[in-house]
Each structure stands twice: as structure tokens, then as C-alpha cells.
Amino acid sequence: MVIFKILKNKYFIVIVVLISWLLYFDKNDVFTQYELVQKCNKLNAEKGYYIAEIEKNKMEINELQNNSKSLETFAREKYLMKKDDEDVFVFTTK
């Protein structure tokens, strides 16, 4: 009898409807918020990766600017440059 009295209470019904609306049907429902948190965590992990890559590239640029031997090696490997009296053979694997 007490349960029926609580279920017939208009405030209880409104609160239950409001909570269910906010949990499942609203634009910012629980599931959407969970997906957004997961996406944010993924983007933070990618941010860490890119920051590490930027630091690695800065070190590589510094090495290329200060060391002519490493610059020559880089040019030969990446851009297939050669000296006038050399021949370049490129081997590819299938």
C-alpha cells in the first residue's frame, strides 16, 4: 500500500521522468558523455605522441644544421643525391 502511494505521488513521477530523460534521451546523456571522455583520453595520448615526435625532429634538425656529415648522409638516403663521380643504385623489396 505504501509503495502504491509513493508511485501515485506526482512529484515522484516527475522526478523519475526527469532523471530518465536526462540519462537516456537528452543531447548530453550519459552515453554521449562517456564517448566524449574516451575521445578526450585518446586525443591526449596522441598529443603526447606528437610532442615526442616534435622533440625528436628538433633534435634531428639541430644535428643536420651542425654536422655536415649527417647532412650529407641524410641527403643521400632521403633524396638520393650523389656526388658528380658516383652512381646511385636503388634496391627495392617487394
PDB file of N, CA and C in Angstrom:
ATOM      1  N   MET A   1       0.811  -1.194   0.000  1.00  0.00           N
ATOM      2  CA  MET A   1       0.000   0.000   0.000  1.00  0.00           C
ATOM      3  C   MET A   1       0.862   1.269   0.000  1.00  0.00           C
ATOM      4  N   VAL A   2       1.944   1.233   0.752  1.00  0.00           N
ATOM      5  CA  VAL A   2       2.808   2.407   0.820  1.00  0.00           C
ATOM      6  C   VAL A   2       3.501   2.619  -0.527  1.00  0.00           C
ATOM      7  N   ILE A   3       3.861   1.531  -1.194  1.00  0.00           N
ATOM      8  CA  ILE A   3       4.524   1.613  -2.492  1.00  0.00           C
ATOM      9  C   ILE A   3       3.586   2.235  -3.524  1.00  0.00           C
ATOM     10  N   PHE A   4       2.337   1.843  -3.516  1.00  0.00           N
ATOM     11  CA  PHE A   4       1.369   2.424  -4.443  1.00  0.00           C
ATOM     12  C   PHE A   4       1.171   3.915  -4.176  1.00  0.00           C
ATOM     13  N   LYS A   5       1.224   4.268  -2.925  1.00  0.00           N
ATOM     14  CA  LYS A   5       1.068   5.671  -2.562  1.00  0.00           C
ATOM     15  C   LYS A   5       2.251   6.497  -3.083  1.00  0.00           C
ATOM     16  N   ILE A   6       3.453   5.928  -2.979  1.00  0.00           N
ATOM     17  CA  ILE A   6       4.652   6.615  -3.492  1.00  0.00           C
ATOM     18  C   ILE A   6       4.598   6.697  -5.006  1.00  0.00           C
ATOM     19  N   LEU A   7       4.183   5.630  -5.669  1.00  0.00           N
ATOM     20  CA  LEU A   7       4.125   5.622  -7.130  1.00  0.00           C
ATOM     21  C   LEU A   7       3.065   6.574  -7.685  1.00  0.00           C
ATOM     22  N   LYS A   8       2.039   6.846  -6.918  1.00  0.00           N
ATOM     23  CA  LYS A   8       0.991   7.771  -7.349  1.00  0.00           C
ATOM     24  C   LYS A   8       1.340   9.230  -7.059  1.00  0.00           C
ATOM     25  N   ASN A   9       2.390   9.450  -6.308  1.00  0.00           N
ATOM     26  CA  ASN A   9       2.802  10.802  -5.971  1.00  0.00           C
ATOM     27  C   ASN A   9       3.309  11.509  -7.234  1.00  0.00           C
ATOM     28  N   LYS A  10       2.747  12.683  -7.523  1.00  0.00           N
ATOM     29  CA  LYS A  10       3.094  13.370  -8.771  1.00  0.00           C
ATOM     30  C   LYS A  10       4.542  13.868  -8.769  1.00  0.00           C
ATOM     31  N   TYR A  11       5.092  14.200  -7.630  1.00  0.00           N
ATOM     32  CA  TYR A  11       6.481  14.646  -7.563  1.00  0.00           C
ATOM     33  C   TYR A  11       7.439  13.491  -7.854  1.00  0.00           C
ATOM     34  N   PHE A  12       7.144  12.343  -7.344  1.00  0.00           N
ATOM     35  CA  PHE A  12       7.959  11.159  -7.602  1.00  0.00           C
ATOM     36  C   PHE A  12       7.952  10.821  -9.091  1.00  0.00           C
ATOM     37  N   ILE A  13       6.797  10.884  -9.696  1.00  0.00           N
ATOM     38  CA  ILE A  13       6.674  10.572 -11.127  1.00  0.00           C
ATOM     39  C   ILE A  13       7.466  11.586 -11.963  1.00  0.00           C
ATOM     40  N   VAL A  14       7.354  12.846 -11.618  1.00  0.00           N
ATOM     41  CA  VAL A  14       8.073  13.887 -12.356  1.00  0.00           C
ATOM     42  C   VAL A  14       9.583  13.700 -12.200  1.00  0.00           C
ATOM     43  N   ILE A  15      10.034  13.386 -11.008  1.00  0.00           N
ATOM     44  CA  ILE A  15      11.468  13.183 -10.772  1.00  0.00           C
ATOM     45  C   ILE A  15      11.971  11.972 -11.561  1.00  0.00           C
ATOM     46  N   VAL A  16      11.240  10.892 -11.567  1.00  0.00           N
ATOM     47  CA  VAL A  16      11.644   9.695 -12.314  1.00  0.00           C
ATOM     48  C   VAL A  16      11.691   9.983 -13.814  1.00  0.00           C
ATOM     49  N   VAL A  17      10.685  10.682 -14.312  1.00  0.00           N
ATOM     50  CA  VAL A  17      10.668  11.033 -15.740  1.00  0.00           C
ATOM     51  C   VAL A  17      11.839  11.955 -16.074  1.00  0.00           C
ATOM     52  N   LEU A  18      12.099  12.929 -15.238  1.00  0.00           N
ATOM     53  CA  LEU A  18      13.195  13.860 -15.477  1.00  0.00           C
ATOM     54  C   LEU A  18      14.547  13.144 -15.467  1.00  0.00           C
ATOM     55  N   ILE A  19      14.761  12.283 -14.499  1.00  0.00           N
ATOM     56  CA  ILE A  19      16.026  11.542 -14.426  1.00  0.00           C
ATOM     57  C   ILE A  19      16.191  10.629 -15.632  1.00  0.00           C
ATOM     58  N   SER A  20      15.130   9.933 -16.014  1.00  0.00           N
ATOM     59  CA  SER A  20      15.241   9.056 -17.180  1.00  0.00           C
ATOM     60  C   SER A  20      15.471   9.869 -18.453  1.00  0.00           C
ATOM     61  N   TRP A  21      14.852  11.026 -18.554  1.00  0.00           N
ATOM     62  CA  TRP A  21      15.074  11.883 -19.719  1.00  0.00           C
ATOM     63  C   TRP A  21      16.541  12.333 -19.783  1.00  0.00           C
ATOM     64  N   LEU A  22      17.087  12.762 -18.653  1.00  0.00           N
ATOM     65  CA  LEU A  22      18.464  13.230 -18.621  1.00  0.00           C
ATOM     66  C   LEU A  22      19.465  12.103 -18.854  1.00  0.00           C
ATOM     67  N   LEU A  23      19.132  10.903 -18.415  1.00  0.00           N
ATOM     68  CA  LEU A  23      20.063   9.784 -18.579  1.00  0.00           C
ATOM     69  C   LEU A  23      20.064   9.208 -19.992  1.00  0.00           C
ATOM     70  N   TYR A  24      18.942   9.194 -20.666  1.00  0.00           N
ATOM     71  CA  TYR A  24      18.861   8.452 -21.920  1.00  0.00           C
ATOM     72  C   TYR A  24      18.514   9.292 -23.152  1.00  0.00           C
ATOM     73  N   PHE A  25      17.688  10.312 -23.008  1.00  0.00           N
ATOM     74  CA  PHE A  25      17.148  10.974 -24.184  1.00  0.00           C
ATOM     75  C   PHE A  25      17.711  12.367 -24.455  1.00  0.00           C
ATOM     76  N   ASP A  26      18.385  12.937 -23.525  1.00  0.00           N
ATOM     77  CA  ASP A  26      18.914  14.282 -23.691  1.00  0.00           C
ATOM     78  C   ASP A  26      20.108  14.278 -24.636  1.00  0.00           C
ATOM     79  N   LYS A  27      20.433  15.451 -25.192  1.00  0.00           N
ATOM     80  CA  LYS A  27      21.582  15.575 -26.086  1.00  0.00           C
ATOM     81  C   LYS A  27      22.885  15.240 -25.361  1.00  0.00           C
ATOM     82  N   ASN A  28      22.964  15.541 -24.104  1.00  0.00           N
ATOM     83  CA  ASN A  28      24.155  15.281 -23.297  1.00  0.00           C
ATOM     84  C   ASN A  28      23.921  14.115 -22.340  1.00  0.00           C
ATOM     85  N   ASP A  29      23.426  13.015 -22.857  1.00  0.00           N
ATOM     86  CA  ASP A  29      23.132  11.873 -21.995  1.00  0.00           C
ATOM     87  C   ASP A  29      24.415  11.189 -21.523  1.00  0.00           C
ATOM     88  N   VAL A  30      24.260  10.211 -20.686  1.00  0.00           N
ATOM     89  CA  VAL A  30      25.385   9.524 -20.064  1.00  0.00           C
ATOM     90  C   VAL A  30      26.267   8.851 -21.101  1.00  0.00           C
ATOM     91  N   PHE A  31      25.679   8.239 -22.091  1.00  0.00           N
ATOM     92  CA  PHE A  31      26.449   7.508 -23.090  1.00  0.00           C
ATOM     93  C   PHE A  31      27.275   8.449 -23.967  1.00  0.00           C
ATOM     94  N   THR A  32      26.692   9.576 -24.313  1.00  0.00           N
ATOM     95  CA  THR A  32      27.432  10.570 -25.090  1.00  0.00           C
ATOM     96  C   THR A  32      28.596  11.122 -24.287  1.00  0.00           C
ATOM     97  N   GLN A  33      28.364  11.391 -23.026  1.00  0.00           N
ATOM     98  CA  GLN A  33      29.440  11.893 -22.170  1.00  0.00           C
ATOM     99  C   GLN A  33      30.567  10.877 -22.041  1.00  0.00           C
ATOM    100  N   TYR A  34      30.234   9.610 -21.928  1.00  0.00           N
ATOM    101  CA  TYR A  34      31.247   8.554 -21.851  1.00  0.00           C
ATOM    102  C   TYR A  34      32.078   8.511 -23.133  1.00  0.00           C
ATOM    103  N   GLU A  35      31.418   8.608 -24.282  1.00  0.00           N
ATOM    104  CA  GLU A  35      32.144   8.607 -25.553  1.00  0.00           C
ATOM    105  C   GLU A  35      33.067   9.819 -25.674  1.00  0.00           C
ATOM    106  N   LEU A  36      32.591  10.969 -25.203  1.00  0.00           N
ATOM    107  CA  LEU A  36      33.412  12.170 -25.262  1.00  0.00           C
ATOM    108  C   LEU A  36      34.631  12.066 -24.353  1.00  0.00           C
ATOM    109  N   VAL A  37      34.474  11.458 -23.188  1.00  0.00           N
ATOM    110  CA  VAL A  37      35.606  11.268 -22.291  1.00  0.00           C
ATOM    111  C   VAL A  37      36.623  10.318 -22.921  1.00  0.00           C
ATOM    112  N   GLN A  38      36.146   9.255 -23.559  1.00  0.00           N
ATOM    113  CA  GLN A  38      37.052   8.318 -24.233  1.00  0.00           C
ATOM    114  C   GLN A  38      37.800   9.019 -25.366  1.00  0.00           C
ATOM    115  N   LYS A  39      37.100   9.833 -26.130  1.00  0.00           N
ATOM    116  CA  LYS A  39      37.729  10.566 -27.227  1.00  0.00           C
ATOM    117  C   LYS A  39      38.771  11.545 -26.698  1.00  0.00           C
ATOM    118  N   CYS A  40      38.460  12.204 -25.599  1.00  0.00           N
ATOM    119  CA  CYS A  40      39.401  13.142 -24.985  1.00  0.00           C
ATOM    120  C   CYS A  40      40.659  12.425 -24.518  1.00  0.00           C
ATOM    121  N   ASN A  41      40.506  11.264 -23.908  1.00  0.00           N
ATOM    122  CA  ASN A  41      41.668  10.485 -23.467  1.00  0.00           C
ATOM    123  C   ASN A  41      42.519  10.049 -24.652  1.00  0.00           C
ATOM    124  N   LYS A  42      41.866   9.642 -25.730  1.00  0.00           N
ATOM    125  CA  LYS A  42      42.600   9.232 -26.932  1.00  0.00           C
ATOM    126  C   LYS A  42      43.379  10.407 -27.511  1.00  0.00           C
ATOM    127  N   LEU A  43      42.750  11.588 -27.554  1.00  0.00           N
ATOM    128  CA  LEU A  43      43.426  12.767 -28.091  1.00  0.00           C
ATOM    129  C   LEU A  43      44.589  13.197 -27.203  1.00  0.00           C
ATOM    130  N   ASN A  44      44.458  13.045 -25.899  1.00  0.00           N
ATOM    131  CA  ASN A  44      45.580  13.360 -25.006  1.00  0.00           C
ATOM    132  C   ASN A  44      46.750  12.420 -25.234  1.00  0.00           C
ATOM    133  N   ALA A  45      46.456  11.145 -25.485  1.00  0.00           N
ATOM    134  CA  ALA A  45      47.531  10.192 -25.779  1.00  0.00           C
ATOM    135  C   ALA A  45      48.213  10.555 -27.095  1.00  0.00           C
ATOM    136  N   GLU A  46      47.433  10.934 -28.093  1.00  0.00           N
ATOM    137  CA  GLU A  46      48.015  11.354 -29.369  1.00  0.00           C
ATOM    138  C   GLU A  46      48.833  12.625 -29.198  1.00  0.00           C
ATOM    139  N   LYS A  47      48.387  13.501 -28.334  1.00  0.00           N
ATOM    140  CA  LYS A  47      49.128  14.733 -28.074  1.00  0.00           C
ATOM    141  C   LYS A  47      50.515  14.414 -27.530  1.00  0.00           C
ATOM    142  N   GLY A  48      50.587  13.473 -26.604  1.00  0.00           N
ATOM    143  CA  GLY A  48      51.882  13.056 -26.066  1.00  0.00           C
ATOM    144  C   GLY A  48      52.786  12.490 -27.148  1.00  0.00           C
ATOM    145  N   TYR A  49      52.206  11.693 -28.036  1.00  0.00           N
ATOM    146  CA  TYR A  49      52.986  11.119 -29.131  1.00  0.00           C
ATOM    147  C   TYR A  49      53.550  12.216 -30.033  1.00  0.00           C
ATOM    148  N   TYR A  50      52.702  13.173 -30.390  1.00  0.00           N
ATOM    149  CA  TYR A  50      53.152  14.229 -31.296  1.00  0.00           C
ATOM    150  C   TYR A  50      54.172  15.156 -30.635  1.00  0.00           C
ATOM    151  N   ILE A  51      54.039  15.390 -29.360  1.00  0.00           N
ATOM    152  CA  ILE A  51      55.039  16.199 -28.654  1.00  0.00           C
ATOM    153  C   ILE A  51      56.391  15.486 -28.671  1.00  0.00           C
ATOM    154  N   ALA A  52      56.385  14.181 -28.458  1.00  0.00           N
ATOM    155  CA  ALA A  52      57.634  13.415 -28.517  1.00  0.00           C
ATOM    156  C   ALA A  52      58.224  13.441 -29.928  1.00  0.00           C
ATOM    157  N   GLU A  53      57.376  13.340 -30.942  1.00  0.00           N
ATOM    158  CA  GLU A  53      57.860  13.396 -32.331  1.00  0.00           C
ATOM    159  C   GLU A  53      58.451  14.772 -32.652  1.00  0.00           C
ATOM    160  N   ILE A  54      57.850  15.829 -32.150  1.00  0.00           N
ATOM    161  CA  ILE A  54      58.362  17.178 -32.384  1.00  0.00           C
ATOM    162  C   ILE A  54      59.742  17.323 -31.759  1.00  0.00           C
ATOM    163  N   GLU A  55      59.899  16.822 -30.559  1.00  0.00           N
ATOM    164  CA  GLU A  55      61.207  16.897 -29.895  1.00  0.00           C
ATOM    165  C   GLU A  55      62.261  16.102 -30.667  1.00  0.00           C
ATOM    166  N   LYS A  56      61.876  14.922 -31.154  1.00  0.00           N
ATOM    167  CA  LYS A  56      62.808  14.114 -31.938  1.00  0.00           C
ATOM    168  C   LYS A  56      63.204  14.838 -33.218  1.00  0.00           C
ATOM    169  N   ASN A  57      62.231  15.458 -33.880  1.00  0.00           N
ATOM    170  CA  ASN A  57      62.522  16.183 -35.119  1.00  0.00           C
ATOM    171  C   ASN A  57      63.382  17.418 -34.868  1.00  0.00           C
ATOM    172  N   LYS A  58      63.158  18.100 -33.745  1.00  0.00           N
ATOM    173  CA  LYS A  58      64.001  19.252 -33.405  1.00  0.00           C
ATOM    174  C   LYS A  58      65.446  18.824 -33.206  1.00  0.00           C
ATOM    175  N   MET A  59      65.640  17.685 -32.547  1.00  0.00           N
ATOM    176  CA  MET A  59      66.997  17.184 -32.347  1.00  0.00           C
ATOM    177  C   MET A  59      67.631  16.805 -33.685  1.00  0.00           C
ATOM    178  N   GLU A  60      66.852  16.210 -34.566  1.00  0.00           N
ATOM    179  CA  GLU A  60      67.359  15.835 -35.879  1.00  0.00           C
ATOM    180  C   GLU A  60      67.716  17.070 -36.707  1.00  0.00           C
ATOM    181  N   ILE A  61      66.904  18.092 -36.660  1.00  0.00           N
ATOM    182  CA  ILE A  61      67.193  19.339 -37.380  1.00  0.00           C
ATOM    183  C   ILE A  61      68.455  19.981 -36.836  1.00  0.00           C
ATOM    184  N   ASN A  62      68.596  19.990 -35.528  1.00  0.00           N
ATOM    185  CA  ASN A  62      69.786  20.554 -34.911  1.00  0.00           C
ATOM    186  C   ASN A  62      71.031  19.783 -35.354  1.00  0.00           C
ATOM    187  N   GLU A  63      70.921  18.481 -35.410  1.00  0.00           N
ATOM    188  CA  GLU A  63      72.049  17.654 -35.854  1.00  0.00           C
ATOM    189  C   GLU A  63      72.383  17.936 -37.315  1.00  0.00           C
ATOM    190  N   LEU A  64      71.365  18.093 -38.152  1.00  0.00           N
ATOM    191  CA  LEU A  64      71.607  18.367 -39.569  1.00  0.00           C
ATOM    192  C   LEU A  64      72.210  19.756 -39.788  1.00  0.00           C
ATOM    193  N   GLN A  65      71.821  20.709 -38.970  1.00  0.00           N
ATOM    194  CA  GLN A  65      72.353  22.066 -39.120  1.00  0.00           C
ATOM    195  C   GLN A  65      73.792  22.175 -38.632  1.00  0.00           C
ATOM    196  N   ASN A  66      74.185  21.355 -37.674  1.00  0.00           N
ATOM    197  CA  ASN A  66      75.512  21.483 -37.067  1.00  0.00           C
ATOM    198  C   ASN A  66      76.533  20.486 -37.589  1.00  0.00           C
ATOM    199  N   ASN A  67      76.100  19.405 -38.202  1.00  0.00           N
ATOM    200  CA  ASN A  67      77.026  18.359 -38.625  1.00  0.00           C
ATOM    201  C   ASN A  67      76.870  18.140 -40.128  1.00  0.00           C
ATOM    202  N   SER A  68      77.902  18.508 -40.877  1.00  0.00           N
ATOM    203  CA  SER A  68      77.813  18.380 -42.338  1.00  0.00           C
ATOM    204  C   SER A  68      77.828  16.920 -42.784  1.00  0.00           C
ATOM    205  N   LYS A  69      78.461  16.044 -42.037  1.00  0.00           N
ATOM    206  CA  LYS A  69      78.485  14.621 -42.392  1.00  0.00           C
ATOM    207  C   LYS A  69      77.077  14.016 -42.275  1.00  0.00           C
ATOM    208  N   SER A  70      76.356  14.364 -41.231  1.00  0.00           N
ATOM    209  CA  SER A  70      74.995  13.843 -41.087  1.00  0.00           C
ATOM    210  C   SER A  70      74.072  14.446 -42.144  1.00  0.00           C
ATOM    211  N   LEU A  71      74.315  15.695 -42.536  1.00  0.00           N
ATOM    212  CA  LEU A  71      73.534  16.319 -43.605  1.00  0.00           C
ATOM    213  C   LEU A  71      73.761  15.597 -44.930  1.00  0.00           C
ATOM    214  N   GLU A  72      74.997  15.242 -45.197  1.00  0.00           N
ATOM    215  CA  GLU A  72      75.307  14.505 -46.420  1.00  0.00           C
ATOM    216  C   GLU A  72      74.644  13.131 -46.402  1.00  0.00           C
ATOM    217  N   THR A  73      74.701  12.454 -45.290  1.00  0.00           N
ATOM    218  CA  THR A  73      74.063  11.138 -45.154  1.00  0.00           C
ATOM    219  C   THR A  73      72.553  11.252 -45.340  1.00  0.00           C
ATOM    220  N   PHE A  74      71.956  12.264 -44.745  1.00  0.00           N
ATOM    221  CA  PHE A  74      70.517  12.482 -44.879  1.00  0.00           C
ATOM    222  C   PHE A  74      70.137  12.733 -46.332  1.00  0.00           C
ATOM    223  N   ALA A  75      70.892  13.573 -47.020  1.00  0.00           N
ATOM    224  CA  ALA A  75      70.598  13.884 -48.419  1.00  0.00           C
ATOM    225  C   ALA A  75      70.737  12.646 -49.297  1.00  0.00           C
ATOM    226  N   ARG A  76      71.717  11.820 -49.024  1.00  0.00           N
ATOM    227  CA  ARG A  76      71.913  10.604 -49.825  1.00  0.00           C
ATOM    228  C   ARG A  76      70.786   9.604 -49.591  1.00  0.00           C
ATOM    229  N   GLU A  77      70.379   9.438 -48.357  1.00  0.00           N
ATOM    230  CA  GLU A  77      69.369   8.419 -48.050  1.00  0.00           C
ATOM    231  C   GLU A  77      67.956   8.863 -48.419  1.00  0.00           C
ATOM    232  N   LYS A  78      67.604  10.090 -48.121  1.00  0.00           N
ATOM    233  CA  LYS A  78      66.229  10.538 -48.315  1.00  0.00           C
ATOM    234  C   LYS A  78      65.950  11.031 -49.736  1.00  0.00           C
ATOM    235  N   TYR A  79      66.900  11.748 -50.318  1.00  0.00           N
ATOM    236  CA  TYR A  79      66.655  12.387 -51.605  1.00  0.00           C
ATOM    237  C   TYR A  79      67.497  11.816 -52.743  1.00  0.00           C
ATOM    238  N   LEU A  80      68.223  10.743 -52.466  1.00  0.00           N
ATOM    239  CA  LEU A  80      69.032  10.035 -53.453  1.00  0.00           C
ATOM    240  C   LEU A  80      70.003  10.964 -54.178  1.00  0.00           C
ATOM    241  N   MET A  81      70.560  11.898 -53.463  1.00  0.00           N
ATOM    242  CA  MET A  81      71.556  12.805 -54.048  1.00  0.00           C
ATOM    243  C   MET A  81      72.889  12.090 -54.120  1.00  0.00           C
ATOM    244  N   LYS A  82      73.723  12.546 -55.039  1.00  0.00           N
ATOM    245  CA  LYS A  82      75.018  11.906 -55.216  1.00  0.00           C
ATOM    246  C   LYS A  82      76.039  12.949 -55.618  1.00  0.00           C
ATOM    247  N   LYS A  83      77.296  12.545 -55.495  1.00  0.00           N
ATOM    248  CA  LYS A  83      78.375  13.396 -55.976  1.00  0.00           C
ATOM    249  C   LYS A  83      78.514  13.193 -57.476  1.00  0.00           C
ATOM    250  N   ASP A  84      79.256  14.068 -58.133  1.00  0.00           N
ATOM    251  CA  ASP A  84      79.369  14.025 -59.591  1.00  0.00           C
ATOM    252  C   ASP A  84      79.991  12.731 -60.105  1.00  0.00           C
ATOM    253  N   ASP A  85      80.929  12.163 -59.374  1.00  0.00           N
ATOM    254  CA  ASP A  85      81.637  10.981 -59.868  1.00  0.00           C
ATOM    255  C   ASP A  85      81.059   9.673 -59.317  1.00  0.00           C
ATOM    256  N   GLU A  86      79.824   9.684 -58.838  1.00  0.00           N
ATOM    257  CA  GLU A  86      79.227   8.481 -58.258  1.00  0.00           C
ATOM    258  C   GLU A  86      78.011   8.035 -59.068  1.00  0.00           C
ATOM    259  N   ASP A  87      77.705   6.753 -58.942  1.00  0.00           N
ATOM    260  CA  ASP A  87      76.480   6.193 -59.498  1.00  0.00           C
ATOM    261  C   ASP A  87      75.616   5.718 -58.339  1.00  0.00           C
ATOM    262  N   VAL A  88      74.293   5.905 -58.457  1.00  0.00           N
ATOM    263  CA  VAL A  88      73.377   5.520 -57.391  1.00  0.00           C
ATOM    264  C   VAL A  88      72.547   4.343 -57.889  1.00  0.00           C
ATOM    265  N   PHE A  89      72.497   3.285 -57.082  1.00  0.00           N
ATOM    266  CA  PHE A  89      71.668   2.132 -57.369  1.00  0.00           C
ATOM    267  C   PHE A  89      70.644   2.023 -56.247  1.00  0.00           C
ATOM    268  N   VAL A  90      69.374   1.950 -56.628  1.00  0.00           N
ATOM    269  CA  VAL A  90      68.289   1.864 -55.643  1.00  0.00           C
ATOM    270  C   VAL A  90      67.726   0.458 -55.695  1.00  0.00           C
ATOM    271  N   PHE A  91      67.737  -0.203 -54.545  1.00  0.00           N
ATOM    272  CA  PHE A  91      67.189  -1.555 -54.428  1.00  0.00           C
ATOM    273  C   PHE A  91      65.870  -1.463 -53.676  1.00  0.00           C
ATOM    274  N   THR A  92      64.839  -2.058 -54.243  1.00  0.00           N
ATOM    275  CA  THR A  92      63.551  -2.104 -53.574  1.00  0.00           C
ATOM    276  C   THR A  92      63.170  -3.544 -53.288  1.00  0.00           C
ATOM    277  N   THR A  93      62.449  -3.753 -52.207  1.00  0.00           N
ATOM    278  CA  THR A  93      61.995  -5.091 -51.860  1.00  0.00           C
ATOM    279  C   THR A  93      60.505  -5.167 -52.133  1.00  0.00           C
ATOM    280  N   LYS A  94      60.074  -6.316 -52.582  1.00  0.00           N
ATOM    281  CA  LYS A  94      58.659  -6.498 -52.891  1.00  0.00           C
ATOM    282  C   LYS A  94      57.935  -7.170 -51.776  1.00  0.00           C
TER     283      LYS A  94
END
